[in-house]
């Protein structure tokens, strides 16, 4: 129950981060089409308003527990951070694009979204995962007072 409350609280903050100051580009810069690719699907009309794009693995290895999803999310975040300087957060366990849970990546540049989707999709396919990765494009969050 505590996790649900924290996810809902975090989601409320994410909804306000979909553009404006601090975000480069716009949704119009996204060229990846929704649909099925080798080992993953791309969804651009997510059920969660906090998610800009969903990349959903179609593999045979289903991650179901919070610990499994969080560990995969941390691994993915560590993989993409050096390649994508515009990724400013994510990993862990939380709200996904479609109903259910997954992991997430926060990005502040729509120009990097297509390459990030491809990288995430390749990672999902190489691990043969069934896992949702929610990509949220929004301004970097900074603590109050900074």
C-alpha atoms as a PDB file:
ATOM      1  CA  UNK A   1       0.000   0.000   0.000  1.00  0.00           C
ATOM      2  CA  UNK A   2       2.827   2.381   0.836  1.00  0.00           C
ATOM      3  CA  UNK A   3       4.361   1.808  -2.600  1.00  0.00           C
ATOM      4  CA  UNK A   4       1.065   2.681  -4.305  1.00  0.00           C
ATOM      5  CA  UNK A   5       0.883   5.935  -2.390  1.00  0.00           C
ATOM      6  CA  UNK A   6       4.469   6.841  -3.312  1.00  0.00           C
ATOM      7  CA  UNK A   7       3.886   5.981  -6.970  1.00  0.00           C
ATOM      8  CA  UNK A   8       0.759   8.150  -7.028  1.00  0.00           C
ATOM      9  CA  UNK A   9       2.638  11.012  -5.364  1.00  0.00           C
ATOM     10  CA  UNK A  10       5.544  10.720  -7.798  1.00  0.00           C
ATOM     11  CA  UNK A  11       3.176  10.465 -10.737  1.00  0.00           C
ATOM     12  CA  UNK A  12       1.457  13.721  -9.797  1.00  0.00           C
ATOM     13  CA  UNK A  13       4.807  15.508  -9.968  1.00  0.00           C
ATOM     14  CA  UNK A  14       5.660  13.892 -13.314  1.00  0.00           C
ATOM     15  CA  UNK A  15       2.507  15.099 -15.038  1.00  0.00           C
ATOM     16  CA  UNK A  16       3.688  18.701 -14.765  1.00  0.00           C
ATOM     17  CA  UNK A  17       7.058  17.958 -16.394  1.00  0.00           C
ATOM     18  CA  UNK A  18       6.003  17.381 -20.027  1.00  0.00           C
ATOM     19  CA  UNK A  19       7.525  20.385 -21.697  1.00  0.00           C
ATOM     20  CA  UNK A  20       8.210  24.032 -21.233  1.00  0.00           C
ATOM     21  CA  UNK A  21      11.409  25.515 -19.862  1.00  0.00           C
ATOM     22  CA  UNK A  22      14.189  23.016 -19.438  1.00  0.00           C
ATOM     23  CA  UNK A  23      13.029  20.687 -22.222  1.00  0.00           C
ATOM     24  CA  UNK A  24      14.689  20.711 -25.645  1.00  0.00           C
ATOM     25  CA  UNK A  25      12.507  20.074 -28.657  1.00  0.00           C
ATOM     26  CA  UNK A  26       8.909  18.937 -28.695  1.00  0.00           C
ATOM     27  CA  UNK A  27       6.867  15.796 -29.275  1.00  0.00           C
ATOM     28  CA  UNK A  28       6.943  16.695 -32.990  1.00  0.00           C
ATOM     29  CA  UNK A  29      10.663  15.743 -32.974  1.00  0.00           C
ATOM     30  CA  UNK A  30       9.748  12.121 -32.191  1.00  0.00           C
ATOM     31  CA  UNK A  31       9.843  10.068 -35.408  1.00  0.00           C
ATOM     32  CA  UNK A  32       9.613   6.524 -34.022  1.00  0.00           C
ATOM     33  CA  UNK A  33       6.267   5.062 -35.010  1.00  0.00           C
ATOM     34  CA  UNK A  34       4.175   3.083 -32.548  1.00  0.00           C
ATOM     35  CA  UNK A  35       4.139  -0.598 -33.323  1.00  0.00           C
ATOM     36  CA  UNK A  36       5.969  -3.872 -32.935  1.00  0.00           C
ATOM     37  CA  UNK A  37       9.693  -4.155 -33.540  1.00  0.00           C
ATOM     38  CA  UNK A  38      12.123  -7.076 -33.038  1.00  0.00           C
ATOM     39  CA  UNK A  39      11.742  -7.944 -29.341  1.00  0.00           C
ATOM     40  CA  UNK A  40       9.706  -4.920 -28.240  1.00  0.00           C
ATOM     41  CA  UNK A  41       6.724  -2.665 -28.882  1.00  0.00           C
ATOM     42  CA  UNK A  42       6.589   1.125 -28.903  1.00  0.00           C
ATOM     43  CA  UNK A  43       3.492   2.871 -27.547  1.00  0.00           C
ATOM     44  CA  UNK A  44       3.076   6.631 -27.927  1.00  0.00           C
ATOM     45  CA  UNK A  45      -0.432   6.904 -26.487  1.00  0.00           C
ATOM     46  CA  UNK A  46       0.176   5.747 -22.930  1.00  0.00           C
ATOM     47  CA  UNK A  47      -2.589   5.105 -20.411  1.00  0.00           C
ATOM     48  CA  UNK A  48      -0.472   6.888 -17.793  1.00  0.00           C
ATOM     49  CA  UNK A  49      -0.443  10.655 -18.365  1.00  0.00           C
ATOM     50  CA  UNK A  50       2.984  10.732 -16.687  1.00  0.00           C
ATOM     51  CA  UNK A  51       4.546   8.731 -19.528  1.00  0.00           C
ATOM     52  CA  UNK A  52       5.546  10.185 -22.905  1.00  0.00           C
ATOM     53  CA  UNK A  53       6.496   6.901 -24.630  1.00  0.00           C
ATOM     54  CA  UNK A  54       6.380   3.253 -23.622  1.00  0.00           C
ATOM     55  CA  UNK A  55       8.917   0.698 -24.780  1.00  0.00           C
ATOM     56  CA  UNK A  56       7.586  -2.744 -23.904  1.00  0.00           C
ATOM     57  CA  UNK A  57       9.633  -5.900 -24.184  1.00  0.00           C
ATOM     58  CA  UNK A  58       7.934  -8.876 -25.846  1.00  0.00           C
ATOM     59  CA  UNK A  59      10.372 -11.534 -24.675  1.00  0.00           C
ATOM     60  CA  UNK A  60       9.918 -14.777 -22.789  1.00  0.00           C
ATOM     61  CA  UNK A  61      11.516 -13.627 -19.499  1.00  0.00           C
ATOM     62  CA  UNK A  62       8.729 -12.020 -17.484  1.00  0.00           C
ATOM     63  CA  UNK A  63       9.822  -9.756 -14.647  1.00  0.00           C
ATOM     64  CA  UNK A  64       7.025  -9.659 -12.095  1.00  0.00           C
ATOM     65  CA  UNK A  65       8.348  -8.782  -8.663  1.00  0.00           C
ATOM     66  CA  UNK A  66       9.185  -5.299  -7.489  1.00  0.00           C
ATOM     67  CA  UNK A  67      12.776  -6.418  -6.787  1.00  0.00           C
ATOM     68  CA  UNK A  68      13.248  -7.876 -10.297  1.00  0.00           C
ATOM     69  CA  UNK A  69      11.826  -4.815 -12.026  1.00  0.00           C
ATOM     70  CA  UNK A  70      13.814  -2.399  -9.863  1.00  0.00           C
ATOM     71  CA  UNK A  71      17.065  -4.290 -10.493  1.00  0.00           C
ATOM     72  CA  UNK A  72      16.460  -4.296 -14.248  1.00  0.00           C
ATOM     73  CA  UNK A  73      15.640  -0.586 -14.097  1.00  0.00           C
ATOM     74  CA  UNK A  74      18.888   0.203 -12.293  1.00  0.00           C
ATOM     75  CA  UNK A  75      20.838  -1.847 -14.843  1.00  0.00           C
ATOM     76  CA  UNK A  76      19.165  -0.030 -17.731  1.00  0.00           C
ATOM     77  CA  UNK A  77      19.743   3.405 -16.193  1.00  0.00           C
ATOM     78  CA  UNK A  78      23.447   2.666 -15.657  1.00  0.00           C
ATOM     79  CA  UNK A  79      23.674   1.506 -19.269  1.00  0.00           C
ATOM     80  CA  UNK A  80      22.048   4.537 -20.906  1.00  0.00           C
ATOM     81  CA  UNK A  81      23.303   7.394 -18.711  1.00  0.00           C
ATOM     82  CA  UNK A  82      26.792   7.527 -20.309  1.00  0.00           C
ATOM     83  CA  UNK A  83      25.323   7.325 -23.834  1.00  0.00           C
ATOM     84  CA  UNK A  84      22.529   9.865 -23.255  1.00  0.00           C
ATOM     85  CA  UNK A  85      23.491  12.950 -21.213  1.00  0.00           C
ATOM     86  CA  UNK A  86      19.874  14.101 -21.427  1.00  0.00           C
ATOM     87  CA  UNK A  87      18.739  11.147 -19.277  1.00  0.00           C
ATOM     88  CA  UNK A  88      18.501  12.673 -15.822  1.00  0.00           C
ATOM     89  CA  UNK A  89      16.720  10.029 -13.774  1.00  0.00           C
ATOM     90  CA  UNK A  90      14.858   6.779 -13.674  1.00  0.00           C
ATOM     91  CA  UNK A  91      15.490   3.174 -12.862  1.00  0.00           C
ATOM     92  CA  UNK A  92      13.584   1.480 -10.129  1.00  0.00           C
ATOM     93  CA  UNK A  93       9.962   0.373 -10.056  1.00  0.00           C
ATOM     94  CA  UNK A  94       6.880   2.418 -10.828  1.00  0.00           C
ATOM     95  CA  UNK A  95       4.168   3.541 -13.179  1.00  0.00           C
ATOM     96  CA  UNK A  96       4.337   2.192 -16.720  1.00  0.00           C
ATOM     97  CA  UNK A  97       2.795   3.142 -20.047  1.00  0.00           C
ATOM     98  CA  UNK A  98       0.149   0.432 -20.033  1.00  0.00           C
ATOM     99  CA  UNK A  99      -1.642  -0.924 -16.950  1.00  0.00           C
ATOM    100  CA  UNK A 100       0.790  -2.612 -14.608  1.00  0.00           C
ATOM    101  CA  UNK A 101       4.221  -1.748 -13.351  1.00  0.00           C
ATOM    102  CA  UNK A 102       7.569  -1.281 -14.986  1.00  0.00           C
ATOM    103  CA  UNK A 103      10.653   0.851 -14.832  1.00  0.00           C
ATOM    104  CA  UNK A 104      11.245   4.334 -16.150  1.00  0.00           C
ATOM    105  CA  UNK A 105      13.699   6.777 -17.685  1.00  0.00           C
ATOM    106  CA  UNK A 106      13.494  10.569 -17.434  1.00  0.00           C
ATOM    107  CA  UNK A 107      14.744  12.578 -20.397  1.00  0.00           C
ATOM    108  CA  UNK A 108      14.874  16.328 -21.019  1.00  0.00           C
ATOM    109  CA  UNK A 109      15.495  16.353 -24.781  1.00  0.00           C
ATOM    110  CA  UNK A 110      12.961  15.183 -27.359  1.00  0.00           C
ATOM    111  CA  UNK A 111      15.779  15.101 -29.947  1.00  0.00           C
ATOM    112  CA  UNK A 112      17.316  12.129 -28.084  1.00  0.00           C
ATOM    113  CA  UNK A 113      14.045  10.208 -27.700  1.00  0.00           C
ATOM    114  CA  UNK A 114      14.270   8.164 -30.927  1.00  0.00           C
ATOM    115  CA  UNK A 115      17.809   6.950 -30.210  1.00  0.00           C
ATOM    116  CA  UNK A 116      16.878   6.191 -26.593  1.00  0.00           C
ATOM    117  CA  UNK A 117      13.831   4.177 -27.689  1.00  0.00           C
ATOM    118  CA  UNK A 118      16.023   2.138 -30.025  1.00  0.00           C
ATOM    119  CA  UNK A 119      18.647   1.576 -27.305  1.00  0.00           C
ATOM    120  CA  UNK A 120      16.011   0.514 -24.759  1.00  0.00           C
ATOM    121  CA  UNK A 121      14.333  -1.752 -27.308  1.00  0.00           C
ATOM    122  CA  UNK A 122      17.645  -3.422 -28.179  1.00  0.00           C
ATOM    123  CA  UNK A 123      18.369  -3.920 -24.463  1.00  0.00           C
ATOM    124  CA  UNK A 124      14.937  -5.474 -23.868  1.00  0.00           C
ATOM    125  CA  UNK A 125      15.363  -7.778 -26.880  1.00  0.00           C
ATOM    126  CA  UNK A 126      18.888  -8.838 -25.888  1.00  0.00           C
ATOM    127  CA  UNK A 127      17.635  -9.799 -22.408  1.00  0.00           C
ATOM    128  CA  UNK A 128      14.475 -11.433 -23.832  1.00  0.00           C
ATOM    129  CA  UNK A 129      12.446  -9.408 -21.298  1.00  0.00           C
ATOM    130  CA  UNK A 130       8.752  -8.783 -20.992  1.00  0.00           C
ATOM    131  CA  UNK A 131       9.086  -5.454 -19.196  1.00  0.00           C
ATOM    132  CA  UNK A 132       7.624  -1.994 -19.612  1.00  0.00           C
ATOM    133  CA  UNK A 133       9.992   0.964 -19.769  1.00  0.00           C
ATOM    134  CA  UNK A 134       8.220   4.295 -19.438  1.00  0.00           C
ATOM    135  CA  UNK A 135      10.096   7.222 -20.954  1.00  0.00           C
ATOM    136  CA  UNK A 136       9.038  10.592 -19.604  1.00  0.00           C
ATOM    137  CA  UNK A 137      10.255  13.721 -21.346  1.00  0.00           C
ATOM    138  CA  UNK A 138      10.314  16.625 -18.937  1.00  0.00           C
ATOM    139  CA  UNK A 139      12.417  19.214 -17.193  1.00  0.00           C
ATOM    140  CA  UNK A 140      15.076  18.071 -14.751  1.00  0.00           C
ATOM    141  CA  UNK A 141      13.816  18.218 -11.225  1.00  0.00           C
ATOM    142  CA  UNK A 142      15.972  20.200  -8.836  1.00  0.00           C
ATOM    143  CA  UNK A 143      15.610  20.274  -5.058  1.00  0.00           C
ATOM    144  CA  UNK A 144      14.105  23.412  -3.559  1.00  0.00           C
ATOM    145  CA  UNK A 145      16.732  25.992  -2.773  1.00  0.00           C
ATOM    146  CA  UNK A 146      19.126  25.008  -5.576  1.00  0.00           C
END
